[in-house]
Amino acid sequence: MSTSVESAGWGPGRRLLAATAAHRFHVLGRTKVEIARELDMSRFVVARLLDAAQEQGLVRIEVTAGDDLDHRASEDLAATYGLRRALVAPRDGRSLVAGLTAELLTEIVGADDVLGLAWSRTINEAVDALTALPPCTVVQLCGAYSLPWRSDTSAETVARVGALCGGPTFPIYAPLVLPDDQTARTLREQPGVADAFGRFADLTIAVISVGAWSPEHSTVHDVLDADERAALADRGVVGEVVALPFDADGRVLDVDLARRVLAIDEAALRAVREVIVLVAEPERARAADALLRSGLGTTLVTDAATARALQETAQRQVDDRRARS
């Protein structure tokens, strides 16, 4: 049925022909040569017909990474911060971030990995969502948060993962924030704590969460007294990660707090091959933006509202730099 694509209008006959060719090409996987033979036309005519079908809206191509993942927002956010990957849930909520994190860990953790876990509500929920892991080594990245309403400590989180995967665990049964740097140094040398610290150099994957320097958005902020909180804010602290305070450029500050915590240090954390950063609240966007711009993180897992807040924050940074130049 030799047909001239150029001479035909976009009536029902041509629309049917275009839809037939498009279905065979996009759905059935036929080549243009095969379609040309089947429809008795040249492959050049088939090519023009397929192009025209898209131009006329007869072909709608939909790409999805699954109902739990917004692939366009994920790609955009990864590009904004130069990340290996970003995983953005299509809706808002900490449970969605936890679910994506659990799936990612199930996907990437191998038996030879050394997995480090900080403590946060989101990390805790991600551990709860895990159903299987190979027998990897699990290391606690920081001591326990000492707040009366926090029933889950980081040591318990590590123990749950160890029970699930059957691998060796290195918990830290000690507080995160100590009264002074001498106490912190003494505890770092104690058996158990020293064993965990000794595995930091072997870490291959670390899971951390970002705290903003404000009430209820950082457990570290909330365990300090009002004077110390204010003094750190005056030093330019905008957030913390494993209790290490950082400024608006993501630089970990050399302050007293950083010396009296039981936690992995910045150098060891930056040496980890895969650092997964979890953020599930738009109020933490400024802190997360600073941390991600500093390069401390290879993967980001977040929700839709926080992703939008991060893009807006990143754009403001660009606008501010242009205004200053």
C-alpha atoms as a PDB file:
ATOM      1  CA  MET A   1       0.000   0.000   0.000  1.00  0.00           C
ATOM      2  CA  SER A   2       2.406   2.624  -1.182  1.00  0.00           C
ATOM      3  CA  THR A   3       1.563   5.807   0.718  1.00  0.00           C
ATOM      4  CA  SER A   4       2.905   9.344   0.418  1.00  0.00           C
ATOM      5  CA  VAL A   5       3.326  10.832   3.879  1.00  0.00           C
ATOM      6  CA  GLU A   6       3.841  14.301   2.460  1.00  0.00           C
ATOM      7  CA  SER A   7       0.635  14.364   0.383  1.00  0.00           C
ATOM      8  CA  ALA A   8      -1.699  12.998   3.028  1.00  0.00           C
ATOM      9  CA  GLY A   9      -3.465  15.217   5.575  1.00  0.00           C
ATOM     10  CA  TRP A  10      -3.796  14.391   9.248  1.00  0.00           C
ATOM     11  CA  GLY A  11      -7.127  12.647   8.855  1.00  0.00           C
ATOM     12  CA  PRO A  12      -8.067   9.358  10.467  1.00  0.00           C
ATOM     13  CA  GLY A  13      -6.307   7.286   7.823  1.00  0.00           C
ATOM     14  CA  ARG A  14      -2.940   8.949   8.331  1.00  0.00           C
ATOM     15  CA  ARG A  15      -3.340   9.026  12.091  1.00  0.00           C
ATOM     16  CA  LEU A  16      -3.979   5.288  12.055  1.00  0.00           C
ATOM     17  CA  LEU A  17      -0.947   4.689   9.831  1.00  0.00           C
ATOM     18  CA  ALA A  18       1.257   6.800  12.121  1.00  0.00           C
ATOM     19  CA  ALA A  19      -0.075   5.083  15.231  1.00  0.00           C
ATOM     20  CA  THR A  20       0.542   1.671  13.656  1.00  0.00           C
ATOM     21  CA  ALA A  21       4.128   2.538  12.783  1.00  0.00           C
ATOM     22  CA  ALA A  22       4.747   4.120  16.205  1.00  0.00           C
ATOM     23  CA  HIS A  23       3.315   1.115  18.061  1.00  0.00           C
ATOM     24  CA  ARG A  24       5.518  -1.279  16.099  1.00  0.00           C
ATOM     25  CA  PHE A  25       8.578   0.897  16.686  1.00  0.00           C
ATOM     26  CA  HIS A  26       8.170   2.003  20.331  1.00  0.00           C
ATOM     27  CA  VAL A  27       6.221  -0.919  21.819  1.00  0.00           C
ATOM     28  CA  LEU A  28       7.061  -3.965  19.712  1.00  0.00           C
ATOM     29  CA  GLY A  29      10.659  -2.947  19.081  1.00  0.00           C
ATOM     30  CA  ARG A  30      10.581  -3.309  15.300  1.00  0.00           C
ATOM     31  CA  THR A  31      13.296  -1.540  13.314  1.00  0.00           C
ATOM     32  CA  LYS A  32      12.428   1.108  10.745  1.00  0.00           C
ATOM     33  CA  VAL A  33      13.509  -1.283   7.982  1.00  0.00           C
ATOM     34  CA  GLU A  34      11.139  -3.982   9.275  1.00  0.00           C
ATOM     35  CA  ILE A  35       8.253  -1.531   9.543  1.00  0.00           C
ATOM     36  CA  ALA A  36       8.949  -0.243   6.025  1.00  0.00           C
ATOM     37  CA  ARG A  37       8.764  -3.767   4.665  1.00  0.00           C
ATOM     38  CA  GLU A  38       5.563  -4.557   6.593  1.00  0.00           C
ATOM     39  CA  LEU A  39       3.824  -1.327   5.524  1.00  0.00           C
ATOM     40  CA  ASP A  40       5.241  -1.282   1.985  1.00  0.00           C
ATOM     41  CA  MET A  41       7.041   2.049   2.205  1.00  0.00           C
ATOM     42  CA  SER A  42      10.651   3.198   2.364  1.00  0.00           C
ATOM     43  CA  ARG A  43      12.437   3.405   5.701  1.00  0.00           C
ATOM     44  CA  PHE A  44      12.937   7.146   5.096  1.00  0.00           C
ATOM     45  CA  VAL A  45       9.161   7.580   4.880  1.00  0.00           C
ATOM     46  CA  VAL A  46       8.803   5.518   8.077  1.00  0.00           C
ATOM     47  CA  ALA A  47      11.332   7.781   9.812  1.00  0.00           C
ATOM     48  CA  ARG A  48       9.428  10.924   8.777  1.00  0.00           C
ATOM     49  CA  LEU A  49       6.155   9.314   9.808  1.00  0.00           C
ATOM     50  CA  LEU A  50       7.508   8.501  13.267  1.00  0.00           C
ATOM     51  CA  ASP A  51       8.830  12.039  13.713  1.00  0.00           C
ATOM     52  CA  ALA A  52       5.534  13.518  12.583  1.00  0.00           C
ATOM     53  CA  ALA A  53       3.605  11.224  14.947  1.00  0.00           C
ATOM     54  CA  GLN A  54       5.499  12.687  17.900  1.00  0.00           C
ATOM     55  CA  GLU A  55       5.092  16.240  16.640  1.00  0.00           C
ATOM     56  CA  GLN A  56       1.333  15.742  16.300  1.00  0.00           C
ATOM     57  CA  GLY A  57       1.034  14.335  19.821  1.00  0.00           C
ATOM     58  CA  LEU A  58       0.128  10.813  18.727  1.00  0.00           C
ATOM     59  CA  VAL A  59       3.046   9.370  20.697  1.00  0.00           C
ATOM     60  CA  ARG A  60       3.386  10.006  24.420  1.00  0.00           C
ATOM     61  CA  ILE A  61       6.522   8.623  26.002  1.00  0.00           C
ATOM     62  CA  GLU A  62       6.369   8.189  29.776  1.00  0.00           C
ATOM     63  CA  VAL A  63       9.413   7.286  31.821  1.00  0.00           C
ATOM     64  CA  THR A  64       9.117   6.348  35.479  1.00  0.00           C
ATOM     65  CA  ALA A  65      11.533   5.032  38.069  1.00  0.00           C
ATOM     66  CA  GLY A  66       8.650   3.723  40.175  1.00  0.00           C
ATOM     67  CA  ASP A  67       5.886   5.200  42.292  1.00  0.00           C
ATOM     68  CA  ASP A  68       8.262   5.836  45.196  1.00  0.00           C
ATOM     69  CA  LEU A  69      10.775   7.898  43.205  1.00  0.00           C
ATOM     70  CA  ASP A  70      10.592  11.195  41.279  1.00  0.00           C
ATOM     71  CA  HIS A  71      13.297  10.582  38.685  1.00  0.00           C
ATOM     72  CA  ARG A  72      13.296  14.102  37.207  1.00  0.00           C
ATOM     73  CA  ALA A  73      13.625  15.797  40.593  1.00  0.00           C
ATOM     74  CA  SER A  74      16.282  13.226  41.510  1.00  0.00           C
ATOM     75  CA  GLU A  75      18.321  13.955  38.380  1.00  0.00           C
ATOM     76  CA  ASP A  76      18.016  17.722  38.852  1.00  0.00           C
ATOM     77  CA  LEU A  77      19.090  17.618  42.489  1.00  0.00           C
ATOM     78  CA  ALA A  78      22.061  15.358  41.746  1.00  0.00           C
ATOM     79  CA  ALA A  79      23.165  17.793  39.035  1.00  0.00           C
ATOM     80  CA  THR A  80      22.763  20.802  41.347  1.00  0.00           C
ATOM     81  CA  TYR A  81      25.144  19.384  43.951  1.00  0.00           C
ATOM     82  CA  GLY A  82      27.362  17.169  41.791  1.00  0.00           C
ATOM     83  CA  LEU A  83      26.237  13.999  43.556  1.00  0.00           C
ATOM     84  CA  ARG A  84      26.612  10.397  42.455  1.00  0.00           C
ATOM     85  CA  ARG A  85      22.861  10.114  42.883  1.00  0.00           C
ATOM     86  CA  ALA A  86      19.911  11.795  44.568  1.00  0.00           C
ATOM     87  CA  LEU A  87      16.746   9.911  45.455  1.00  0.00           C
ATOM     88  CA  VAL A  88      13.689  12.137  45.813  1.00  0.00           C
ATOM     89  CA  ALA A  89      10.398  10.722  47.051  1.00  0.00           C
ATOM     90  CA  PRO A  90       7.449  12.113  45.051  1.00  0.00           C
ATOM     91  CA  ARG A  91       5.598  13.157  48.217  1.00  0.00           C
ATOM     92  CA  ASP A  92       6.500  14.526  51.632  1.00  0.00           C
ATOM     93  CA  GLY A  93       7.399  12.583  54.730  1.00  0.00           C
ATOM     94  CA  ARG A  94      10.198  11.020  56.728  1.00  0.00           C
ATOM     95  CA  SER A  95       8.793   7.515  56.251  1.00  0.00           C
ATOM     96  CA  LEU A  96       9.194   7.823  52.467  1.00  0.00           C
ATOM     97  CA  VAL A  97      12.847   8.845  52.855  1.00  0.00           C
ATOM     98  CA  ALA A  98      13.377   5.948  55.250  1.00  0.00           C
ATOM     99  CA  GLY A  99      11.814   3.504  52.810  1.00  0.00           C
ATOM    100  CA  LEU A 100      13.993   4.664  49.904  1.00  0.00           C
ATOM    101  CA  THR A 101      17.075   4.458  52.133  1.00  0.00           C
ATOM    102  CA  ALA A 102      16.260   0.899  53.182  1.00  0.00           C
ATOM    103  CA  GLU A 103      15.806  -0.134  49.545  1.00  0.00           C
ATOM    104  CA  LEU A 104      19.065   1.550  48.536  1.00  0.00           C
ATOM    105  CA  LEU A 105      21.022  -0.178  51.312  1.00  0.00           C
ATOM    106  CA  THR A 106      19.527  -3.519  50.314  1.00  0.00           C
ATOM    107  CA  GLU A 107      20.672  -2.813  46.766  1.00  0.00           C
ATOM    108  CA  ILE A 108      24.234  -1.586  47.327  1.00  0.00           C
ATOM    109  CA  VAL A 109      25.522  -3.187  50.547  1.00  0.00           C
ATOM    110  CA  GLY A 110      27.623  -6.296  50.005  1.00  0.00           C
ATOM    111  CA  ALA A 111      29.142  -8.843  52.365  1.00  0.00           C
ATOM    112  CA  ASP A 112      32.555  -7.154  52.097  1.00  0.00           C
ATOM    113  CA  ASP A 113      31.229  -3.719  53.030  1.00  0.00           C
ATOM    114  CA  VAL A 114      31.732  -1.941  56.329  1.00  0.00           C
ATOM    115  CA  LEU A 115      28.532  -0.011  56.978  1.00  0.00           C
ATOM    116  CA  GLY A 116      28.575   2.979  59.332  1.00  0.00           C
ATOM    117  CA  LEU A 117      25.377   4.309  60.876  1.00  0.00           C
ATOM    118  CA  ALA A 118      24.835   7.610  62.631  1.00  0.00           C
ATOM    119  CA  TRP A 119      21.662   8.186  64.643  1.00  0.00           C
ATOM    120  CA  SER A 120      18.556  10.073  63.590  1.00  0.00           C
ATOM    121  CA  ARG A 121      14.857   9.370  63.518  1.00  0.00           C
ATOM    122  CA  THR A 122      15.046   8.872  59.759  1.00  0.00           C
ATOM    123  CA  ILE A 123      17.976   6.456  59.984  1.00  0.00           C
ATOM    124  CA  ASN A 124      16.157   4.600  62.747  1.00  0.00           C
ATOM    125  CA  GLU A 125      13.053   4.255  60.563  1.00  0.00           C
ATOM    126  CA  ALA A 126      15.212   3.130  57.625  1.00  0.00           C
ATOM    127  CA  VAL A 127      16.666   0.366  59.785  1.00  0.00           C
ATOM    128  CA  ASP A 128      13.148  -0.655  60.809  1.00  0.00           C
ATOM    129  CA  ALA A 129      12.231  -0.892  57.106  1.00  0.00           C
ATOM    130  CA  LEU A 130      15.147  -3.191  56.273  1.00  0.00           C
ATOM    131  CA  THR A 131      14.151  -6.782  55.553  1.00  0.00           C
ATOM    132  CA  ALA A 132      17.496  -8.268  54.505  1.00  0.00           C
ATOM    133  CA  LEU A 133      21.194  -7.436  54.245  1.00  0.00           C
ATOM    134  CA  PRO A 134      24.241  -9.589  53.527  1.00  0.00           C
ATOM    135  CA  PRO A 135      26.504 -10.330  56.518  1.00  0.00           C
ATOM    136  CA  CYS A 136      28.389  -7.034  56.416  1.00  0.00           C
ATOM    137  CA  THR A 137      30.246  -5.315  59.249  1.00  0.00           C
ATOM    138  CA  VAL A 138      28.210  -2.620  61.010  1.00  0.00           C
ATOM    139  CA  VAL A 139      29.859   0.259  62.875  1.00  0.00           C
ATOM    140  CA  GLN A 140      28.304   2.978  65.018  1.00  0.00           C
ATOM    141  CA  LEU A 141      29.484   6.422  63.922  1.00  0.00           C
ATOM    142  CA  CYS A 142      28.627   8.358  67.075  1.00  0.00           C
ATOM    143  CA  GLY A 143      27.686   7.922  70.698  1.00  0.00           C
ATOM    144  CA  ALA A 144      24.175   7.864  72.091  1.00  0.00           C
ATOM    145  CA  TYR A 145      22.008  10.959  72.211  1.00  0.00           C
ATOM    146  CA  SER A 146      21.129  11.698  75.823  1.00  0.00           C
ATOM    147  CA  LEU A 147      17.607  13.043  75.656  1.00  0.00           C
ATOM    148  CA  PRO A 148      14.895  11.484  77.841  1.00  0.00           C
ATOM    149  CA  TRP A 149      12.315  11.303  75.022  1.00  0.00           C
ATOM    150  CA  ARG A 150      14.682   9.436  72.674  1.00  0.00           C
ATOM    151  CA  SER A 151      14.170   5.730  73.436  1.00  0.00           C
ATOM    152  CA  ASP A 152      16.243   4.452  70.487  1.00  0.00           C
ATOM    153  CA  THR A 153      19.982   4.927  70.766  1.00  0.00           C
ATOM    154  CA  SER A 154      22.473   4.525  67.960  1.00  0.00           C
ATOM    155  CA  ALA A 155      23.850   1.409  69.690  1.00  0.00           C
ATOM    156  CA  GLU A 156      20.423  -0.222  69.531  1.00  0.00           C
ATOM    157  CA  THR A 157      20.129   0.710  65.856  1.00  0.00           C
ATOM    158  CA  VAL A 158      23.465  -0.948  65.094  1.00  0.00           C
ATOM    159  CA  ALA A 159      22.445  -4.009  67.096  1.00  0.00           C
ATOM    160  CA  ARG A 160      19.218  -4.369  65.085  1.00  0.00           C
ATOM    161  CA  VAL A 161      21.122  -4.257  61.792  1.00  0.00           C
ATOM    162  CA  GLY A 162      23.638  -6.764  63.123  1.00  0.00           C
ATOM    163  CA  ALA A 163      20.847  -9.120  64.160  1.00  0.00           C
ATOM    164  CA  LEU A 164      19.311  -8.802  60.697  1.00  0.00           C
ATOM    165  CA  CYS A 165      22.460  -9.401  58.660  1.00  0.00           C
ATOM    166  CA  GLY A 166      24.401 -11.650  61.021  1.00  0.00           C
ATOM    167  CA  GLY A 167      27.634  -9.700  60.571  1.00  0.00           C
ATOM    168  CA  PRO A 168      29.951  -8.318  63.255  1.00  0.00           C
ATOM    169  CA  THR A 169      28.887  -5.097  64.988  1.00  0.00           C
ATOM    170  CA  PHE A 170      30.871  -2.332  66.658  1.00  0.00           C
ATOM    171  CA  PRO A 171      28.539  -0.287  68.884  1.00  0.00           C
ATOM    172  CA  ILE A 172      29.494   2.682  71.059  1.00  0.00           C
ATOM    173  CA  TYR A 173      27.913   2.346  74.499  1.00  0.00           C
ATOM    174  CA  ALA A 174      28.726   5.875  75.609  1.00  0.00           C
ATOM    175  CA  PRO A 175      27.159   9.349  75.362  1.00  0.00           C
ATOM    176  CA  LEU A 176      27.648  11.457  72.267  1.00  0.00           C
ATOM    177  CA  VAL A 177      28.329  14.785  73.993  1.00  0.00           C
ATOM    178  CA  LEU A 178      30.756  14.752  76.919  1.00  0.00           C
ATOM    179  CA  PRO A 179      31.329  17.502  79.497  1.00  0.00           C
ATOM    180  CA  ASP A 180      34.911  18.197  78.347  1.00  0.00           C
ATOM    181  CA  ASP A 181      37.540  17.103  75.820  1.00  0.00           C
ATOM    182  CA  GLN A 182      39.562  15.167  78.432  1.00  0.00           C
ATOM    183  CA  THR A 183      36.588  12.930  79.197  1.00  0.00           C
ATOM    184  CA  ALA A 184      36.053  12.408  75.481  1.00  0.00           C
ATOM    185  CA  ARG A 185      39.712  11.431  74.973  1.00  0.00           C
ATOM    186  CA  THR A 186      39.558   9.005  77.884  1.00  0.00           C
ATOM    187  CA  LEU A 187      36.419   7.303  76.610  1.00  0.00           C
ATOM    188  CA  ARG A 188      37.823   6.988  73.076  1.00  0.00           C
ATOM    189  CA  GLU A 189      40.569   4.790  74.533  1.00  0.00           C
ATOM    190  CA  GLN A 190      38.187   2.463  76.377  1.00  0.00           C
ATOM    191  CA  PRO A 191      37.601  -1.077  75.048  1.00  0.00           C
ATOM    192  CA  GLY A 192      34.513  -1.198  72.850  1.00  0.00           C
ATOM    193  CA  VAL A 193      34.612   2.496  72.027  1.00  0.00           C
ATOM    194  CA  ALA A 194      38.191   2.154  70.760  1.00  0.00           C
ATOM    195  CA  ASP A 195      37.155  -0.893  68.718  1.00  0.00           C
ATOM    196  CA  ALA A 196      34.455   1.113  66.942  1.00  0.00           C
ATOM    197  CA  PHE A 197      36.772   4.067  66.352  1.00  0.00           C
ATOM    198  CA  GLY A 198      39.353   1.668  64.988  1.00  0.00           C
ATOM    199  CA  ARG A 199      36.966   0.580  62.222  1.00  0.00           C
ATOM    200  CA  PHE A 200      36.274   4.097  60.910  1.00  0.00           C
ATOM    201  CA  ALA A 201      39.206   3.820  58.500  1.00  0.00           C
ATOM    202  CA  ASP A 202      37.626   0.673  56.987  1.00  0.00           C
ATOM    203  CA  LEU A 203      34.215   2.189  56.282  1.00  0.00           C
ATOM    204  CA  THR A 204      32.915   1.780  52.733  1.00  0.00           C
ATOM    205  CA  ILE A 205      29.367   3.099  53.247  1.00  0.00           C
ATOM    206  CA  ALA A 206      28.164   5.645  55.810  1.00  0.00           C
ATOM    207  CA  VAL A 207      24.609   6.797  56.490  1.00  0.00           C
ATOM    208  CA  ILE A 208      24.276  10.207  58.117  1.00  0.00           C
ATOM    209  CA  SER A 209      21.613  12.827  58.722  1.00  0.00           C
ATOM    210  CA  VAL A 210      21.845  16.615  58.748  1.00  0.00           C
ATOM    211  CA  GLY A 211      20.726  18.663  61.713  1.00  0.00           C
ATOM    212  CA  ALA A 212      19.839  22.361  61.445  1.00  0.00           C
ATOM    213  CA  TRP A 213      20.973  24.665  64.230  1.00  0.00           C
ATOM    214  CA  SER A 214      17.529  25.284  65.682  1.00  0.00           C
ATOM    215  CA  PRO A 215      15.221  23.670  68.247  1.00  0.00           C
ATOM    216  CA  GLU A 216      13.766  20.268  67.284  1.00  0.00           C
ATOM    217  CA  HIS A 217      15.834  20.107  64.094  1.00  0.00           C
ATOM    218  CA  SER A 218      19.056  18.982  65.766  1.00  0.00           C
ATOM    219  CA  THR A 219      19.273  16.708  68.761  1.00  0.00           C
ATOM    220  CA  VAL A 220      22.763  18.036  69.478  1.00  0.00           C
ATOM    221  CA  HIS A 221      21.444  21.606  69.548  1.00  0.00           C
ATOM    222  CA  ASP A 222      18.761  20.553  72.017  1.00  0.00           C
ATOM    223  CA  VAL A 223      21.122  18.887  74.517  1.00  0.00           C
ATOM    224  CA  LEU A 224      23.245  22.015  74.934  1.00  0.00           C
ATOM    225  CA  ASP A 225      22.392  24.873  77.255  1.00  0.00           C
ATOM    226  CA  ALA A 226      21.099  28.177  75.869  1.00  0.00           C
ATOM    227  CA  ASP A 227      24.426  30.002  76.243  1.00  0.00           C
ATOM    228  CA  GLU A 228      26.381  27.385  74.291  1.00  0.00           C
ATOM    229  CA  ARG A 229      23.736  27.265  71.556  1.00  0.00           C
ATOM    230  CA  ALA A 230      23.893  31.040  71.179  1.00  0.00           C
ATOM    231  CA  ALA A 231      27.700  31.102  71.236  1.00  0.00           C
ATOM    232  CA  LEU A 232      27.861  28.515  68.441  1.00  0.00           C
ATOM    233  CA  ALA A 233      25.279  30.417  66.423  1.00  0.00           C
ATOM    234  CA  ASP A 234      27.438  33.534  66.819  1.00  0.00           C
ATOM    235  CA  ARG A 235      30.362  31.545  65.403  1.00  0.00           C
ATOM    236  CA  GLY A 236      28.289  30.973  62.271  1.00  0.00           C
ATOM    237  CA  VAL A 237      27.054  27.448  62.917  1.00  0.00           C
ATOM    238  CA  VAL A 238      24.078  26.589  60.675  1.00  0.00           C
ATOM    239  CA  GLY A 239      23.985  22.836  61.243  1.00  0.00           C
ATOM    240  CA  GLU A 240      25.694  19.705  62.479  1.00  0.00           C
ATOM    241  CA  VAL A 241      26.407  16.222  61.200  1.00  0.00           C
ATOM    242  CA  VAL A 242      27.320  13.475  63.702  1.00  0.00           C
ATOM    243  CA  ALA A 243      27.586  16.351  66.213  1.00  0.00           C
ATOM    244  CA  LEU A 244      30.232  18.188  64.175  1.00  0.00           C
ATOM    245  CA  PRO A 245      29.105  21.832  63.799  1.00  0.00           C
ATOM    246  CA  PHE A 246      29.551  23.456  60.388  1.00  0.00           C
ATOM    247  CA  ASP A 247      29.028  26.913  58.927  1.00  0.00           C
ATOM    248  CA  ALA A 248      27.182  28.245  55.877  1.00  0.00           C
ATOM    249  CA  ASP A 249      29.982  27.019  53.596  1.00  0.00           C
ATOM    250  CA  GLY A 250      29.864  23.514  55.040  1.00  0.00           C
ATOM    251  CA  ARG A 251      33.163  23.930  56.923  1.00  0.00           C
ATOM    252  CA  VAL A 252      33.374  21.954  60.157  1.00  0.00           C
ATOM    253  CA  LEU A 253      34.399  24.468  62.798  1.00  0.00           C
ATOM    254  CA  ASP A 254      37.199  23.999  65.300  1.00  0.00           C
ATOM    255  CA  VAL A 255      35.111  24.651  68.397  1.00  0.00           C
ATOM    256  CA  ASP A 256      34.956  23.094  71.848  1.00  0.00           C
ATOM    257  CA  LEU A 257      31.890  21.000  70.954  1.00  0.00           C
ATOM    258  CA  ALA A 258      33.745  19.225  68.139  1.00  0.00           C
ATOM    259  CA  ARG A 259      36.459  18.142  70.584  1.00  0.00           C
ATOM    260  CA  ARG A 260      34.171  16.718  73.263  1.00  0.00           C
ATOM    261  CA  VAL A 261      31.978  14.402  71.237  1.00  0.00           C
ATOM    262  CA  LEU A 262      32.315  10.699  70.581  1.00  0.00           C
ATOM    263  CA  ALA A 263      31.898  10.588  66.814  1.00  0.00           C
ATOM    264  CA  ILE A 264      33.718   9.983  63.568  1.00  0.00           C
ATOM    265  CA  ASP A 265      35.752  13.015  62.560  1.00  0.00           C
ATOM    266  CA  GLU A 266      35.441  14.983  59.330  1.00  0.00           C
ATOM    267  CA  ALA A 267      38.566  13.546  57.673  1.00  0.00           C
ATOM    268  CA  ALA A 268      37.479   9.959  58.247  1.00  0.00           C
ATOM    269  CA  LEU A 269      33.969  10.701  57.014  1.00  0.00           C
ATOM    270  CA  ARG A 270      35.244  12.352  53.836  1.00  0.00           C
ATOM    271  CA  ALA A 271      37.400   9.279  53.148  1.00  0.00           C
ATOM    272  CA  VAL A 272      34.359   6.972  52.953  1.00  0.00           C
ATOM    273  CA  ARG A 273      33.582   5.823  49.405  1.00  0.00           C
ATOM    274  CA  GLU A 274      29.794   6.218  49.732  1.00  0.00           C
ATOM    275  CA  VAL A 275      28.281   8.753  52.145  1.00  0.00           C
ATOM    276  CA  ILE A 276      24.478   8.703  52.109  1.00  0.00           C
ATOM    277  CA  VAL A 277      22.935  11.913  53.447  1.00  0.00           C
ATOM    278  CA  LEU A 278      19.323  11.835  54.662  1.00  0.00           C
ATOM    279  CA  VAL A 279      17.223  15.011  54.927  1.00  0.00           C
ATOM    280  CA  ALA A 280      13.475  14.883  55.459  1.00  0.00           C
ATOM    281  CA  GLU A 281      12.450  18.365  56.564  1.00  0.00           C
ATOM    282  CA  PRO A 282      12.429  21.593  54.495  1.00  0.00           C
ATOM    283  CA  GLU A 283      13.540  23.484  57.614  1.00  0.00           C
ATOM    284  CA  ARG A 284      16.912  21.735  57.284  1.00  0.00           C
ATOM    285  CA  ALA A 285      17.455  22.831  53.684  1.00  0.00           C
ATOM    286  CA  ARG A 286      19.915  25.636  54.488  1.00  0.00           C
ATOM    287  CA  ALA A 287      22.081  23.315  56.581  1.00  0.00           C
ATOM    288  CA  ALA A 288      21.847  20.489  54.034  1.00  0.00           C
ATOM    289  CA  ASP A 289      22.715  22.872  51.193  1.00  0.00           C
ATOM    290  CA  ALA A 290      25.878  23.961  53.003  1.00  0.00           C
ATOM    291  CA  LEU A 291      26.927  20.396  53.741  1.00  0.00           C
ATOM    292  CA  LEU A 292      26.294  19.183  50.183  1.00  0.00           C
ATOM    293  CA  ARG A 293      28.147  22.132  48.635  1.00  0.00           C
ATOM    294  CA  SER A 294      31.150  21.187  50.763  1.00  0.00           C
ATOM    295  CA  GLY A 295      31.309  17.800  49.043  1.00  0.00           C
ATOM    296  CA  LEU A 296      30.581  15.797  52.192  1.00  0.00           C
ATOM    297  CA  GLY A 297      28.134  13.369  50.634  1.00  0.00           C
ATOM    298  CA  THR A 298      27.861  11.212  47.531  1.00  0.00           C
ATOM    299  CA  THR A 299      24.168  10.295  47.711  1.00  0.00           C
ATOM    300  CA  LEU A 300      21.205  12.316  48.960  1.00  0.00           C
ATOM    301  CA  VAL A 301      17.861  10.823  49.969  1.00  0.00           C
ATOM    302  CA  THR A 302      15.060  13.312  50.574  1.00  0.00           C
ATOM    303  CA  ASP A 303      11.380  14.050  50.025  1.00  0.00           C
ATOM    304  CA  ALA A 304       9.564  16.353  47.601  1.00  0.00           C
ATOM    305  CA  ALA A 305       9.188  19.386  49.875  1.00  0.00           C
ATOM    306  CA  THR A 306      12.798  19.259  51.035  1.00  0.00           C
ATOM    307  CA  ALA A 307      14.027  18.819  47.455  1.00  0.00           C
ATOM    308  CA  ARG A 308      12.161  21.977  46.421  1.00  0.00           C
ATOM    309  CA  ALA A 309      13.572  23.862  49.409  1.00  0.00           C
ATOM    310  CA  LEU A 310      17.086  22.698  48.519  1.00  0.00           C
ATOM    311  CA  GLN A 311      16.751  23.855  44.902  1.00  0.00           C
ATOM    312  CA  GLU A 312      15.442  27.234  46.070  1.00  0.00           C
ATOM    313  CA  THR A 313      18.304  27.552  48.566  1.00  0.00           C
ATOM    314  CA  ALA A 314      20.873  26.603  45.933  1.00  0.00           C
ATOM    315  CA  GLN A 315      19.435  29.170  43.514  1.00  0.00           C
ATOM    316  CA  ARG A 316      19.648  31.893  46.177  1.00  0.00           C
ATOM    317  CA  GLN A 317      23.307  31.023  46.627  1.00  0.00           C
ATOM    318  CA  VAL A 318      23.849  31.472  42.889  1.00  0.00           C
ATOM    319  CA  ASP A 319      21.967  34.780  42.870  1.00  0.00           C
ATOM    320  CA  ASP A 320      23.935  36.057  45.882  1.00  0.00           C
ATOM    321  CA  ARG A 321      27.261  35.208  44.240  1.00  0.00           C
ATOM    322  CA  ARG A 322      26.223  37.008  41.056  1.00  0.00           C
ATOM    323  CA  ALA A 323      25.146  40.040  43.037  1.00  0.00           C
ATOM    324  CA  ARG A 324      28.523  40.193  44.798  1.00  0.00           C
ATOM    325  CA  SER A 325      30.562  39.787  41.604  1.00  0.00           C
END
